[in-house]
Amino acid sequence: MSNQASTFEIFSGIILQKNKIAEHTYHIKIQSMDFSRIHYIPGFSIDIFLSNPYYNPLSEVRRYSFWNYEPVYHVADFAINTFSNGKGAQWVQTLQEGDTMFFKEPSSEISMNDTADHYFLIGDIIALSHLYEINRALSVSKKVSSFIYAEHQEDIFPDLDHSFPLETHIIESLDPQKIIELISLNFPEHQTNIIAYILGDSKTVSYIYNYLKDNPMYDISTIYIKSFWNKTII
């Protein structure tokens, strides 16, 4: 066994399904009995190895958020984006149904907080599956205002039930200032007890966070943010 394999436990699963669901997104289903050992909550993510870590101790990993988890048959759904055309994108394009894949133990990156009355769900296409999962986990009694931004219509994909429960907006060049302008026009003012989730690229996340933080039009108790390069709760 390699040194890498000995430093932490490696989980494995089988690719049950792979479908291209948008111009730059694949939907994969993974079945693994190792999932039965976790206490899943919405917001989980896993580090997936891009090759067999037992044969390649230097195997690179990429982190992906759960889109859904089915605990009876231990099946998880993921949306894998290929915008960067990097190694993760190359990995999913060569992946085939029936392949064995390897990953680290899933963990929670963004807590699921159900204490608010109103939720703001904001993000780009890479964050879309994650926000779909958060939205499905919220009680039907909660109010949700959403804003998904994309540069092209063909990059938008529906939730697992083929519905589009979140509001999408096509914005040329994904200009952060334009995104903020549209949020100010589309989000209801003077709401109380709000929690906001902002997911996406670090520049846009920062712009949106600074707009919402301490904005007198919104009574936001907590803002959860996640960028592609770092994560934090503010």
C-alpha atoms as a PDB file:
ATOM      1  CA  MET A   1       0.000   0.000   0.000  1.00  0.00           C
ATOM      2  CA  SER A   2       1.280   3.475  -0.831  1.00  0.00           C
ATOM      3  CA  ASN A   3       2.248   6.107   1.722  1.00  0.00           C
ATOM      4  CA  GLN A   4      -0.730   8.204   0.633  1.00  0.00           C
ATOM      5  CA  ALA A   5      -3.142   5.343   1.236  1.00  0.00           C
ATOM      6  CA  SER A   6      -1.737   4.847   4.740  1.00  0.00           C
ATOM      7  CA  THR A   7      -2.282   8.443   5.888  1.00  0.00           C
ATOM      8  CA  PHE A   8      -6.062   8.340   5.682  1.00  0.00           C
ATOM      9  CA  GLU A   9      -8.822   5.921   4.792  1.00  0.00           C
ATOM     10  CA  ILE A  10      -9.718   5.648   1.128  1.00  0.00           C
ATOM     11  CA  PHE A  11     -13.338   4.979   0.150  1.00  0.00           C
ATOM     12  CA  SER A  12     -14.408   3.473  -3.160  1.00  0.00           C
ATOM     13  CA  GLY A  13     -17.567   3.298  -5.251  1.00  0.00           C
ATOM     14  CA  ILE A  14     -18.985   2.318  -8.608  1.00  0.00           C
ATOM     15  CA  ILE A  15     -20.161   4.706 -11.304  1.00  0.00           C
ATOM     16  CA  LEU A  16     -23.800   3.729 -11.899  1.00  0.00           C
ATOM     17  CA  GLN A  17     -24.675   6.460 -14.360  1.00  0.00           C
ATOM     18  CA  LYS A  18     -23.090   9.268 -16.356  1.00  0.00           C
ATOM     19  CA  ASN A  19     -25.060  11.740 -18.456  1.00  0.00           C
ATOM     20  CA  LYS A  20     -24.211  15.068 -20.021  1.00  0.00           C
ATOM     21  CA  ILE A  21     -26.943  17.434 -18.788  1.00  0.00           C
ATOM     22  CA  ALA A  22     -25.670  20.810 -19.991  1.00  0.00           C
ATOM     23  CA  GLU A  23     -23.009  22.268 -22.250  1.00  0.00           C
ATOM     24  CA  HIS A  24     -20.365  22.070 -19.511  1.00  0.00           C
ATOM     25  CA  THR A  25     -21.865  19.700 -16.929  1.00  0.00           C
ATOM     26  CA  TYR A  26     -22.059  15.937 -16.401  1.00  0.00           C
ATOM     27  CA  HIS A  27     -24.348  14.206 -13.924  1.00  0.00           C
ATOM     28  CA  ILE A  28     -22.830  11.116 -12.296  1.00  0.00           C
ATOM     29  CA  LYS A  29     -24.326   8.642  -9.818  1.00  0.00           C
ATOM     30  CA  ILE A  30     -21.978   6.831  -7.452  1.00  0.00           C
ATOM     31  CA  GLN A  31     -22.916   3.824  -5.331  1.00  0.00           C
ATOM     32  CA  SER A  32     -20.724   2.994  -2.353  1.00  0.00           C
ATOM     33  CA  MET A  33     -21.308   0.969   0.794  1.00  0.00           C
ATOM     34  CA  ASP A  34     -18.777   3.292   2.405  1.00  0.00           C
ATOM     35  CA  PHE A  35     -21.444   6.009   2.335  1.00  0.00           C
ATOM     36  CA  SER A  36     -23.351   3.999   4.969  1.00  0.00           C
ATOM     37  CA  ARG A  37     -20.663   4.946   7.479  1.00  0.00           C
ATOM     38  CA  ILE A  38     -21.320   8.691   7.286  1.00  0.00           C
ATOM     39  CA  HIS A  39     -24.061  10.758   8.851  1.00  0.00           C
ATOM     40  CA  TYR A  40     -25.048  12.678   5.748  1.00  0.00           C
ATOM     41  CA  ILE A  41     -26.335  16.231   5.904  1.00  0.00           C
ATOM     42  CA  PRO A  42     -26.920  18.616   2.973  1.00  0.00           C
ATOM     43  CA  GLY A  43     -23.738  20.570   2.319  1.00  0.00           C
ATOM     44  CA  PHE A  44     -21.413  17.559   2.258  1.00  0.00           C
ATOM     45  CA  SER A  45     -18.610  17.330  -0.286  1.00  0.00           C
ATOM     46  CA  ILE A  46     -15.938  14.774  -1.145  1.00  0.00           C
ATOM     47  CA  ASP A  47     -12.424  14.785  -2.532  1.00  0.00           C
ATOM     48  CA  ILE A  48     -12.392  12.432  -5.522  1.00  0.00           C
ATOM     49  CA  PHE A  49      -9.134  10.914  -6.732  1.00  0.00           C
ATOM     50  CA  LEU A  50      -8.531  11.338 -10.461  1.00  0.00           C
ATOM     51  CA  SER A  51      -6.696   8.002 -10.589  1.00  0.00           C
ATOM     52  CA  ASN A  52      -6.266   4.930  -8.398  1.00  0.00           C
ATOM     53  CA  PRO A  53      -4.400   6.179  -5.284  1.00  0.00           C
ATOM     54  CA  TYR A  54      -3.161   2.674  -4.470  1.00  0.00           C
ATOM     55  CA  TYR A  55      -1.233   2.551  -7.761  1.00  0.00           C
ATOM     56  CA  ASN A  56      -0.505   6.271  -7.977  1.00  0.00           C
ATOM     57  CA  PRO A  57       0.373   7.759  -4.565  1.00  0.00           C
ATOM     58  CA  LEU A  58       0.550  11.208  -6.187  1.00  0.00           C
ATOM     59  CA  SER A  59      -2.976  11.010  -7.563  1.00  0.00           C
ATOM     60  CA  GLU A  60      -4.596  14.437  -7.666  1.00  0.00           C
ATOM     61  CA  VAL A  61      -7.996  15.086  -6.105  1.00  0.00           C
ATOM     62  CA  ARG A  62     -10.865  17.408  -6.928  1.00  0.00           C
ATOM     63  CA  ARG A  63     -13.590  18.431  -4.489  1.00  0.00           C
ATOM     64  CA  TYR A  64     -17.249  18.102  -5.484  1.00  0.00           C
ATOM     65  CA  SER A  65     -20.446  18.897  -3.594  1.00  0.00           C
ATOM     66  CA  PHE A  66     -23.206  16.345  -3.112  1.00  0.00           C
ATOM     67  CA  TRP A  67     -26.245  17.037  -5.245  1.00  0.00           C
ATOM     68  CA  ASN A  68     -28.267  14.380  -3.450  1.00  0.00           C
ATOM     69  CA  TYR A  69     -27.786  11.291  -1.295  1.00  0.00           C
ATOM     70  CA  GLU A  70     -30.101   8.254  -1.207  1.00  0.00           C
ATOM     71  CA  PRO A  71     -29.368   6.331   2.025  1.00  0.00           C
ATOM     72  CA  VAL A  72     -31.205   3.052   1.319  1.00  0.00           C
ATOM     73  CA  TYR A  73     -29.038   2.017  -1.640  1.00  0.00           C
ATOM     74  CA  HIS A  74     -26.149   4.352  -0.735  1.00  0.00           C
ATOM     75  CA  VAL A  75     -26.221   6.299  -3.983  1.00  0.00           C
ATOM     76  CA  ALA A  76     -24.937   9.857  -4.327  1.00  0.00           C
ATOM     77  CA  ASP A  77     -25.432  12.320  -7.182  1.00  0.00           C
ATOM     78  CA  PHE A  78     -22.873  14.873  -8.341  1.00  0.00           C
ATOM     79  CA  ALA A  79     -22.758  17.540 -11.044  1.00  0.00           C
ATOM     80  CA  ILE A  80     -19.244  17.704 -12.512  1.00  0.00           C
ATOM     81  CA  ASN A  81     -18.455  20.886 -14.426  1.00  0.00           C
ATOM     82  CA  THR A  82     -15.944  21.115 -17.264  1.00  0.00           C
ATOM     83  CA  PHE A  83     -15.588  24.884 -17.711  1.00  0.00           C
ATOM     84  CA  SER A  84     -11.884  24.878 -16.850  1.00  0.00           C
ATOM     85  CA  ASN A  85     -11.038  21.964 -19.158  1.00  0.00           C
ATOM     86  CA  GLY A  86      -8.572  20.974 -16.451  1.00  0.00           C
ATOM     87  CA  LYS A  87      -7.726  17.540 -15.079  1.00  0.00           C
ATOM     88  CA  GLY A  88     -11.073  17.132 -13.320  1.00  0.00           C
ATOM     89  CA  ALA A  89     -12.885  17.902 -16.564  1.00  0.00           C
ATOM     90  CA  GLN A  90     -10.727  15.415 -18.436  1.00  0.00           C
ATOM     91  CA  TRP A  91     -11.373  12.785 -15.773  1.00  0.00           C
ATOM     92  CA  VAL A  92     -15.169  12.988 -15.996  1.00  0.00           C
ATOM     93  CA  GLN A  93     -15.130  12.957 -19.802  1.00  0.00           C
ATOM     94  CA  THR A  94     -13.216   9.649 -19.856  1.00  0.00           C
ATOM     95  CA  LEU A  95     -15.281   8.132 -17.019  1.00  0.00           C
ATOM     96  CA  GLN A  96     -17.504   5.182 -17.936  1.00  0.00           C
ATOM     97  CA  GLU A  97     -20.420   3.494 -16.206  1.00  0.00           C
ATOM     98  CA  GLY A  98     -19.146   0.545 -14.171  1.00  0.00           C
ATOM     99  CA  ASP A  99     -15.812   2.181 -13.390  1.00  0.00           C
ATOM    100  CA  THR A 100     -14.481   2.065  -9.847  1.00  0.00           C
ATOM    101  CA  MET A 101     -13.579   5.424  -8.376  1.00  0.00           C
ATOM    102  CA  PHE A 102     -11.848   6.390  -5.140  1.00  0.00           C
ATOM    103  CA  PHE A 103     -12.482   9.237  -2.721  1.00  0.00           C
ATOM    104  CA  LYS A 104     -11.776  10.494   0.778  1.00  0.00           C
ATOM    105  CA  GLU A 105     -14.341  10.421   3.562  1.00  0.00           C
ATOM    106  CA  PRO A 106     -17.110  12.972   2.858  1.00  0.00           C
ATOM    107  CA  SER A 107     -17.286  15.997   5.105  1.00  0.00           C
ATOM    108  CA  SER A 108     -19.389  19.102   5.604  1.00  0.00           C
ATOM    109  CA  GLU A 109     -18.158  22.398   4.144  1.00  0.00           C
ATOM    110  CA  ILE A 110     -21.235  24.558   4.607  1.00  0.00           C
ATOM    111  CA  SER A 111     -23.593  23.893   7.490  1.00  0.00           C
ATOM    112  CA  MET A 112     -27.291  23.412   6.842  1.00  0.00           C
ATOM    113  CA  ASN A 113     -28.978  26.073   8.978  1.00  0.00           C
ATOM    114  CA  ASP A 114     -32.781  25.882   9.175  1.00  0.00           C
ATOM    115  CA  THR A 115     -33.306  28.578  11.821  1.00  0.00           C
ATOM    116  CA  ALA A 116     -34.267  31.428   9.462  1.00  0.00           C
ATOM    117  CA  ASP A 117     -37.643  32.355   8.002  1.00  0.00           C
ATOM    118  CA  HIS A 118     -36.259  33.584   4.667  1.00  0.00           C
ATOM    119  CA  TYR A 119     -33.300  32.351   2.603  1.00  0.00           C
ATOM    120  CA  PHE A 120     -31.227  33.984  -0.119  1.00  0.00           C
ATOM    121  CA  LEU A 121     -29.596  31.365  -2.391  1.00  0.00           C
ATOM    122  CA  ILE A 122     -27.084  32.944  -4.753  1.00  0.00           C
ATOM    123  CA  GLY A 123     -24.510  31.330  -7.031  1.00  0.00           C
ATOM    124  CA  ASP A 124     -23.197  30.418 -10.448  1.00  0.00           C
ATOM    125  CA  ILE A 125     -23.509  27.227 -12.496  1.00  0.00           C
ATOM    126  CA  ILE A 126     -20.731  25.452 -10.608  1.00  0.00           C
ATOM    127  CA  ALA A 127     -22.667  26.100  -7.392  1.00  0.00           C
ATOM    128  CA  LEU A 128     -26.055  25.187  -8.871  1.00  0.00           C
ATOM    129  CA  SER A 129     -26.285  21.542  -7.755  1.00  0.00           C
ATOM    130  CA  HIS A 130     -25.164  22.513  -4.251  1.00  0.00           C
ATOM    131  CA  LEU A 131     -27.863  25.204  -4.033  1.00  0.00           C
ATOM    132  CA  TYR A 132     -30.462  22.774  -5.412  1.00  0.00           C
ATOM    133  CA  GLU A 133     -29.589  20.420  -2.533  1.00  0.00           C
ATOM    134  CA  ILE A 134     -29.872  23.181   0.064  1.00  0.00           C
ATOM    135  CA  ASN A 135     -33.188  24.296  -1.404  1.00  0.00           C
ATOM    136  CA  ARG A 136     -34.636  20.763  -1.270  1.00  0.00           C
ATOM    137  CA  ALA A 137     -33.515  20.356   2.335  1.00  0.00           C
ATOM    138  CA  LEU A 138     -35.375  23.450   3.515  1.00  0.00           C
ATOM    139  CA  SER A 139     -38.853  23.092   4.946  1.00  0.00           C
ATOM    140  CA  VAL A 140     -41.687  24.078   2.600  1.00  0.00           C
ATOM    141  CA  SER A 141     -42.647  26.702   5.162  1.00  0.00           C
ATOM    142  CA  LYS A 142     -39.462  28.655   4.461  1.00  0.00           C
ATOM    143  CA  LYS A 143     -39.392  31.543   2.007  1.00  0.00           C
ATOM    144  CA  VAL A 144     -36.653  31.317  -0.615  1.00  0.00           C
ATOM    145  CA  SER A 145     -35.318  34.045  -2.904  1.00  0.00           C
ATOM    146  CA  SER A 146     -32.764  32.764  -5.389  1.00  0.00           C
ATOM    147  CA  PHE A 147     -30.403  34.131  -8.003  1.00  0.00           C
ATOM    148  CA  ILE A 148     -28.419  31.779 -10.264  1.00  0.00           C
ATOM    149  CA  TYR A 149     -26.270  33.591 -12.801  1.00  0.00           C
ATOM    150  CA  ALA A 150     -24.844  32.187 -16.030  1.00  0.00           C
ATOM    151  CA  GLU A 151     -23.283  33.564 -19.164  1.00  0.00           C
ATOM    152  CA  HIS A 152     -25.087  31.166 -21.515  1.00  0.00           C
ATOM    153  CA  GLN A 153     -28.520  29.536 -21.378  1.00  0.00           C
ATOM    154  CA  GLU A 154     -27.133  26.159 -22.483  1.00  0.00           C
ATOM    155  CA  ASP A 155     -25.131  25.902 -19.234  1.00  0.00           C
ATOM    156  CA  ILE A 156     -28.248  25.807 -17.036  1.00  0.00           C
ATOM    157  CA  PHE A 157     -29.538  22.387 -15.961  1.00  0.00           C
ATOM    158  CA  PRO A 158     -32.616  21.368 -13.930  1.00  0.00           C
ATOM    159  CA  ASP A 159     -32.736  19.747 -10.513  1.00  0.00           C
ATOM    160  CA  LEU A 160     -32.925  15.964 -10.202  1.00  0.00           C
ATOM    161  CA  ASP A 161     -36.715  15.981 -10.589  1.00  0.00           C
ATOM    162  CA  HIS A 162     -36.287  17.979 -13.856  1.00  0.00           C
ATOM    163  CA  SER A 163     -37.737  21.130 -12.316  1.00  0.00           C
ATOM    164  CA  PHE A 164     -36.174  24.603 -12.165  1.00  0.00           C
ATOM    165  CA  PRO A 165     -36.944  25.729  -8.599  1.00  0.00           C
ATOM    166  CA  LEU A 166     -34.296  28.488  -8.554  1.00  0.00           C
ATOM    167  CA  GLU A 167     -34.379  31.726 -10.548  1.00  0.00           C
ATOM    168  CA  THR A 168     -31.754  31.919 -13.294  1.00  0.00           C
ATOM    169  CA  HIS A 169     -30.372  34.991 -15.055  1.00  0.00           C
ATOM    170  CA  ILE A 170     -28.218  35.183 -18.167  1.00  0.00           C
ATOM    171  CA  ILE A 171     -25.600  37.912 -17.732  1.00  0.00           C
ATOM    172  CA  GLU A 172     -23.034  38.811 -20.362  1.00  0.00           C
ATOM    173  CA  SER A 173     -19.440  38.432 -19.114  1.00  0.00           C
ATOM    174  CA  LEU A 174     -20.827  37.748 -15.610  1.00  0.00           C
ATOM    175  CA  ASP A 175     -20.081  41.285 -14.494  1.00  0.00           C
ATOM    176  CA  PRO A 176     -20.293  41.364 -10.645  1.00  0.00           C
ATOM    177  CA  GLN A 177     -21.714  44.893 -10.599  1.00  0.00           C
ATOM    178  CA  LYS A 178     -24.508  43.850 -12.984  1.00  0.00           C
ATOM    179  CA  ILE A 179     -25.247  40.851 -10.767  1.00  0.00           C
ATOM    180  CA  ILE A 180     -25.606  43.103  -7.733  1.00  0.00           C
ATOM    181  CA  GLU A 181     -27.888  45.473  -9.632  1.00  0.00           C
ATOM    182  CA  LEU A 182     -30.193  42.602 -10.591  1.00  0.00           C
ATOM    183  CA  ILE A 183     -30.189  41.205  -7.047  1.00  0.00           C
ATOM    184  CA  SER A 184     -31.288  44.605  -5.737  1.00  0.00           C
ATOM    185  CA  LEU A 185     -34.158  44.599  -8.252  1.00  0.00           C
ATOM    186  CA  ASN A 186     -35.260  40.997  -7.697  1.00  0.00           C
ATOM    187  CA  PHE A 187     -34.852  40.388  -3.974  1.00  0.00           C
ATOM    188  CA  PRO A 188     -37.630  41.563  -1.647  1.00  0.00           C
ATOM    189  CA  GLU A 189     -36.718  44.347   0.740  1.00  0.00           C
ATOM    190  CA  HIS A 190     -37.532  44.685   4.440  1.00  0.00           C
ATOM    191  CA  GLN A 191     -37.670  40.935   5.064  1.00  0.00           C
ATOM    192  CA  THR A 192     -36.648  39.693   8.504  1.00  0.00           C
ATOM    193  CA  ASN A 193     -34.672  36.766   9.906  1.00  0.00           C
ATOM    194  CA  ILE A 194     -32.715  35.982   6.731  1.00  0.00           C
ATOM    195  CA  ILE A 195     -29.865  33.549   6.099  1.00  0.00           C
ATOM    196  CA  ALA A 196     -27.898  33.939   2.861  1.00  0.00           C
ATOM    197  CA  TYR A 197     -25.839  31.356   1.007  1.00  0.00           C
ATOM    198  CA  ILE A 198     -23.435  32.825  -1.578  1.00  0.00           C
ATOM    199  CA  LEU A 199     -21.443  30.336  -3.674  1.00  0.00           C
ATOM    200  CA  GLY A 200     -19.274  30.931  -6.732  1.00  0.00           C
ATOM    201  CA  ASP A 201     -16.005  32.467  -7.867  1.00  0.00           C
ATOM    202  CA  SER A 202     -14.151  34.424  -5.199  1.00  0.00           C
ATOM    203  CA  LYS A 203     -14.429  37.834  -6.874  1.00  0.00           C
ATOM    204  CA  THR A 204     -18.193  37.695  -7.361  1.00  0.00           C
ATOM    205  CA  VAL A 205     -18.808  36.132  -3.954  1.00  0.00           C
ATOM    206  CA  SER A 206     -16.867  38.998  -2.372  1.00  0.00           C
ATOM    207  CA  TYR A 207     -18.855  41.624  -4.298  1.00  0.00           C
ATOM    208  CA  ILE A 208     -22.187  40.103  -3.314  1.00  0.00           C
ATOM    209  CA  TYR A 209     -21.161  39.602   0.300  1.00  0.00           C
ATOM    210  CA  ASN A 210     -20.088  43.233   0.625  1.00  0.00           C
ATOM    211  CA  TYR A 211     -23.391  44.343  -0.882  1.00  0.00           C
ATOM    212  CA  LEU A 212     -25.539  42.261   1.478  1.00  0.00           C
ATOM    213  CA  LYS A 213     -23.487  42.718   4.638  1.00  0.00           C
ATOM    214  CA  ASP A 214     -25.074  45.286   6.928  1.00  0.00           C
ATOM    215  CA  ASN A 215     -27.445  46.357   4.146  1.00  0.00           C
ATOM    216  CA  PRO A 216     -30.358  48.093   5.924  1.00  0.00           C
ATOM    217  CA  MET A 217     -32.804  46.738   3.325  1.00  0.00           C
ATOM    218  CA  TYR A 218     -32.266  43.176   4.597  1.00  0.00           C
ATOM    219  CA  ASP A 219     -32.249  41.705   8.098  1.00  0.00           C
ATOM    220  CA  ILE A 220     -29.581  39.044   7.455  1.00  0.00           C
ATOM    221  CA  SER A 221     -28.440  37.142  10.541  1.00  0.00           C
ATOM    222  CA  THR A 222     -25.833  34.918   8.847  1.00  0.00           C
ATOM    223  CA  ILE A 223     -24.077  34.834   5.484  1.00  0.00           C
ATOM    224  CA  TYR A 224     -22.470  31.558   4.395  1.00  0.00           C
ATOM    225  CA  ILE A 225     -19.979  31.932   1.572  1.00  0.00           C
ATOM    226  CA  LYS A 226     -17.937  29.492  -0.462  1.00  0.00           C
ATOM    227  CA  SER A 227     -15.544  30.303  -3.280  1.00  0.00           C
ATOM    228  CA  PHE A 228     -13.663  27.915  -5.510  1.00  0.00           C
ATOM    229  CA  TRP A 229     -10.419  28.642  -3.690  1.00  0.00           C
ATOM    230  CA  ASN A 230     -11.405  29.176  -0.064  1.00  0.00           C
ATOM    231  CA  LYS A 231     -14.351  28.887   2.271  1.00  0.00           C
ATOM    232  CA  THR A 232     -15.500  30.636   5.383  1.00  0.00           C
ATOM    233  CA  ILE A 233     -18.560  31.566   7.399  1.00  0.00           C
ATOM    234  CA  ILE A 234     -19.130  35.203   8.298  1.00  0.00           C
END
